[in-house]
N, C-alpha and C. Protein backbone atom coordinates (compact mmCIF):
# COMPACT_ATOMS: atom_id res chain seq x y z
N UNK A 1 -44.99 -26.23 31.89
CA UNK A 1 -45.09 -25.93 30.50
C UNK A 1 -45.00 -24.41 30.31
N UNK A 2 -44.69 -23.95 29.20
CA UNK A 2 -44.54 -22.57 28.81
C UNK A 2 -45.80 -22.12 28.02
N UNK A 3 -46.39 -21.11 28.40
CA UNK A 3 -47.51 -20.50 27.60
C UNK A 3 -46.93 -19.48 26.57
N UNK A 4 -47.37 -19.84 25.38
CA UNK A 4 -46.91 -18.85 24.26
C UNK A 4 -48.18 -18.61 23.33
N UNK A 5 -47.82 -17.85 22.27
CA UNK A 5 -48.96 -17.49 21.36
C UNK A 5 -49.47 -18.78 20.55
N UNK A 6 -48.78 -19.84 20.56
CA UNK A 6 -49.26 -21.02 19.84
C UNK A 6 -50.12 -21.97 20.69
N UNK A 7 -50.04 -21.79 21.99
CA UNK A 7 -50.93 -22.67 22.97
C UNK A 7 -51.81 -21.92 23.76
N UNK A 8 -51.83 -20.62 23.86
CA UNK A 8 -52.54 -19.96 24.84
C UNK A 8 -54.09 -20.19 24.73
N UNK A 9 -54.60 -20.32 23.46
CA UNK A 9 -55.90 -20.52 23.24
C UNK A 9 -56.32 -21.98 23.80
N UNK A 10 -55.48 -22.79 23.87
CA UNK A 10 -55.75 -24.14 24.44
C UNK A 10 -56.02 -24.00 25.98
N UNK A 11 -55.15 -23.23 26.62
CA UNK A 11 -55.32 -23.01 28.00
C UNK A 11 -56.73 -22.32 28.29
N UNK A 12 -57.02 -21.35 27.49
CA UNK A 12 -58.26 -20.50 27.61
C UNK A 12 -59.42 -21.45 27.37
N UNK A 13 -59.52 -22.22 26.30
CA UNK A 13 -60.60 -23.09 26.01
C UNK A 13 -60.89 -24.06 27.23
N UNK A 14 -59.64 -24.63 27.79
CA UNK A 14 -59.77 -25.60 28.79
C UNK A 14 -60.35 -24.87 30.06
N UNK A 15 -59.82 -23.69 30.30
CA UNK A 15 -60.41 -23.08 31.49
C UNK A 15 -61.88 -22.53 31.40
N UNK A 16 -62.24 -22.12 30.23
CA UNK A 16 -63.57 -21.75 29.95
C UNK A 16 -64.55 -23.07 30.19
N UNK A 17 -64.15 -24.14 29.62
CA UNK A 17 -64.80 -25.36 29.72
C UNK A 17 -65.10 -25.79 31.21
N UNK A 18 -63.98 -25.78 31.87
CA UNK A 18 -63.99 -26.21 33.34
C UNK A 18 -64.90 -25.09 34.05
N UNK A 19 -64.62 -23.90 33.80
CA UNK A 19 -65.45 -22.87 34.66
C UNK A 19 -66.85 -22.88 34.47
N UNK A 20 -67.15 -23.12 33.09
CA UNK A 20 -68.67 -23.27 32.74
C UNK A 20 -69.35 -24.50 33.50
N UNK A 21 -68.65 -25.59 33.57
CA UNK A 21 -69.29 -26.68 34.31
C UNK A 21 -69.28 -26.50 35.70
N UNK A 22 -68.24 -25.70 36.34
CA UNK A 22 -68.13 -25.45 37.69
C UNK A 22 -69.18 -24.63 38.09
N UNK A 23 -69.51 -23.54 37.32
CA UNK A 23 -70.39 -22.37 37.82
C UNK A 23 -71.79 -22.54 37.21
N UNK A 24 -72.16 -23.34 36.43
CA UNK A 24 -73.50 -23.45 35.83
C UNK A 24 -74.00 -24.89 35.74
N UNK A 25 -75.39 -24.87 36.05
CA UNK A 25 -75.82 -26.27 35.96
C UNK A 25 -76.24 -26.57 34.67
N UNK A 26 -76.20 -25.57 33.74
CA UNK A 26 -76.54 -25.89 32.36
C UNK A 26 -75.35 -25.49 31.54
N UNK A 27 -74.72 -26.35 30.82
CA UNK A 27 -73.41 -25.97 30.04
C UNK A 27 -73.59 -26.81 28.83
N UNK A 28 -72.76 -26.31 27.81
CA UNK A 28 -72.53 -27.09 26.51
C UNK A 28 -71.72 -28.34 26.63
N UNK A 29 -71.74 -29.09 25.72
CA UNK A 29 -71.02 -30.39 25.68
C UNK A 29 -69.50 -29.95 25.34
N UNK A 30 -68.66 -30.87 25.66
CA UNK A 30 -67.18 -30.79 25.19
C UNK A 30 -67.13 -30.53 23.69
N UNK A 31 -67.94 -31.36 23.01
CA UNK A 31 -67.77 -31.32 21.50
C UNK A 31 -68.14 -29.84 21.07
N UNK A 32 -69.06 -29.12 21.60
CA UNK A 32 -69.42 -27.81 21.38
C UNK A 32 -68.20 -26.89 21.63
N UNK A 33 -67.62 -26.96 22.87
CA UNK A 33 -66.47 -26.13 23.27
C UNK A 33 -65.35 -26.32 22.32
N UNK A 34 -65.04 -27.66 21.89
CA UNK A 34 -63.98 -28.01 20.97
C UNK A 34 -64.33 -27.42 19.70
N UNK A 35 -65.43 -27.54 19.20
CA UNK A 35 -65.71 -26.77 17.92
C UNK A 35 -65.47 -25.29 17.85
N UNK A 36 -66.00 -24.68 18.85
CA UNK A 36 -65.56 -23.25 19.03
C UNK A 36 -64.12 -22.89 19.19
N UNK A 37 -63.53 -23.74 19.94
CA UNK A 37 -62.03 -23.45 20.14
C UNK A 37 -61.18 -24.08 19.10
N UNK A 38 -61.80 -24.77 17.97
CA UNK A 38 -60.95 -25.20 16.83
C UNK A 38 -59.98 -26.35 17.30
N UNK A 39 -60.48 -27.19 18.21
CA UNK A 39 -59.56 -28.43 18.64
C UNK A 39 -60.57 -29.54 18.39
N UNK A 40 -59.85 -30.62 18.20
CA UNK A 40 -60.64 -31.97 18.21
C UNK A 40 -61.06 -32.27 19.68
N UNK A 41 -62.27 -32.91 19.78
CA UNK A 41 -62.91 -33.18 21.12
C UNK A 41 -62.05 -33.91 22.03
N UNK A 42 -61.21 -34.90 21.42
CA UNK A 42 -60.33 -35.83 22.27
C UNK A 42 -59.18 -34.84 22.89
N UNK A 43 -58.72 -33.94 22.09
CA UNK A 43 -57.66 -33.00 22.66
C UNK A 43 -58.25 -32.19 23.79
N UNK A 44 -59.43 -31.58 23.49
CA UNK A 44 -60.11 -30.81 24.63
C UNK A 44 -60.37 -31.74 25.94
N UNK A 45 -60.83 -32.84 25.85
CA UNK A 45 -61.08 -33.88 26.87
C UNK A 45 -59.70 -33.91 27.68
N UNK A 46 -58.58 -34.22 26.92
CA UNK A 46 -57.29 -34.31 27.59
C UNK A 46 -56.86 -33.06 28.29
N UNK A 47 -57.19 -31.98 27.60
CA UNK A 47 -56.70 -30.70 28.25
C UNK A 47 -57.49 -30.29 29.45
N UNK A 48 -58.81 -30.64 29.32
CA UNK A 48 -59.73 -30.48 30.55
C UNK A 48 -59.14 -31.11 31.76
N UNK A 49 -58.83 -32.54 31.57
CA UNK A 49 -58.45 -33.23 32.71
C UNK A 49 -57.14 -32.75 33.14
N UNK A 50 -56.11 -32.46 32.27
CA UNK A 50 -54.74 -31.79 32.69
C UNK A 50 -55.05 -30.55 33.46
N UNK A 51 -55.93 -29.71 33.01
CA UNK A 51 -56.23 -28.40 33.66
C UNK A 51 -56.62 -28.74 35.17
N UNK A 52 -57.51 -29.68 35.30
CA UNK A 52 -57.96 -30.03 36.65
C UNK A 52 -56.87 -30.59 37.46
N UNK A 53 -56.10 -31.53 36.86
CA UNK A 53 -54.94 -32.13 37.64
C UNK A 53 -53.94 -31.08 38.02
N UNK A 54 -53.51 -30.14 37.06
CA UNK A 54 -52.51 -29.15 37.53
C UNK A 54 -53.07 -28.17 38.57
N UNK A 55 -54.32 -28.15 38.62
CA UNK A 55 -54.97 -27.23 39.73
C UNK A 55 -55.40 -27.96 41.01
N UNK A 56 -55.04 -29.33 41.00
CA UNK A 56 -55.38 -30.16 42.13
C UNK A 56 -56.94 -30.22 42.29
N UNK A 57 -57.60 -30.00 41.22
CA UNK A 57 -59.14 -29.83 41.20
C UNK A 57 -59.63 -28.73 42.16
N UNK A 58 -58.74 -27.93 42.60
CA UNK A 58 -59.23 -26.76 43.38
C UNK A 58 -59.64 -25.67 42.37
N UNK A 59 -60.87 -25.47 42.34
CA UNK A 59 -61.38 -24.48 41.45
C UNK A 59 -61.86 -23.10 42.05
N UNK A 60 -61.84 -23.03 43.36
CA UNK A 60 -62.18 -21.76 44.03
C UNK A 60 -60.83 -21.18 44.40
N UNK A 61 -60.86 -19.73 43.97
CA UNK A 61 -59.72 -19.03 44.20
C UNK A 61 -60.16 -18.02 45.32
N UNK A 62 -59.29 -17.89 46.44
CA UNK A 62 -59.52 -16.88 47.45
C UNK A 62 -59.43 -15.49 46.91
N UNK A 63 -60.25 -14.68 47.41
CA UNK A 63 -60.27 -13.26 46.98
C UNK A 63 -58.90 -12.53 46.89
N UNK A 64 -58.01 -12.82 47.91
CA UNK A 64 -56.83 -12.18 47.97
C UNK A 64 -55.81 -12.62 46.80
N UNK A 65 -55.90 -13.92 46.63
CA UNK A 65 -55.20 -14.58 45.44
C UNK A 65 -55.58 -13.96 44.09
N UNK A 66 -56.93 -13.84 43.90
CA UNK A 66 -57.52 -13.25 42.80
C UNK A 66 -57.08 -11.72 42.52
N UNK A 67 -56.97 -11.11 43.69
CA UNK A 67 -56.50 -9.62 43.50
C UNK A 67 -55.01 -9.64 43.13
N UNK A 68 -54.28 -10.60 43.64
CA UNK A 68 -52.76 -10.57 43.14
C UNK A 68 -52.70 -10.89 41.61
N UNK A 69 -53.49 -11.81 41.26
CA UNK A 69 -53.47 -12.18 39.76
C UNK A 69 -53.91 -11.03 38.84
N UNK A 70 -54.86 -10.33 39.46
CA UNK A 70 -55.46 -9.03 38.64
C UNK A 70 -54.46 -8.08 38.67
N UNK A 71 -53.66 -7.76 39.74
CA UNK A 71 -52.63 -6.72 39.67
C UNK A 71 -51.51 -7.27 38.80
N UNK A 72 -51.17 -8.57 38.64
CA UNK A 72 -50.11 -8.98 37.73
C UNK A 72 -50.49 -8.76 36.32
N UNK A 73 -51.77 -9.09 35.98
CA UNK A 73 -52.10 -8.82 34.67
C UNK A 73 -52.09 -7.38 34.27
N UNK A 74 -52.59 -6.57 35.12
CA UNK A 74 -52.46 -5.12 34.91
C UNK A 74 -51.12 -4.72 34.68
N UNK A 75 -50.13 -5.23 35.44
CA UNK A 75 -48.72 -4.92 35.39
C UNK A 75 -48.18 -5.18 33.97
N UNK A 76 -48.58 -6.47 33.53
CA UNK A 76 -47.94 -7.03 32.34
C UNK A 76 -48.60 -6.22 31.19
N UNK A 77 -49.89 -5.83 31.34
CA UNK A 77 -50.48 -5.01 30.32
C UNK A 77 -49.81 -3.60 30.10
N UNK A 78 -49.17 -3.07 31.04
CA UNK A 78 -48.64 -1.83 31.12
C UNK A 78 -47.26 -1.91 30.72
N UNK A 79 -46.67 -2.98 30.60
CA UNK A 79 -45.18 -3.11 30.16
C UNK A 79 -45.01 -3.45 28.75
């Protein structure tokens, strides 16, 4: 899929929801994240599952890979 200005917030809210659940023992419900993200809860539930499937449920990023992503983001920001 292509990320654009119309769907990037969906990717972000799905990522934040998954990350919150992964890194914290205490997290908000999907209904709360959906409300904050301006999405119906059912859509966020589907986005969360799709996010996990697209990442093969692999939520740990090796430091080297994270450094490459950071460099790419900096490069995009400077162009």
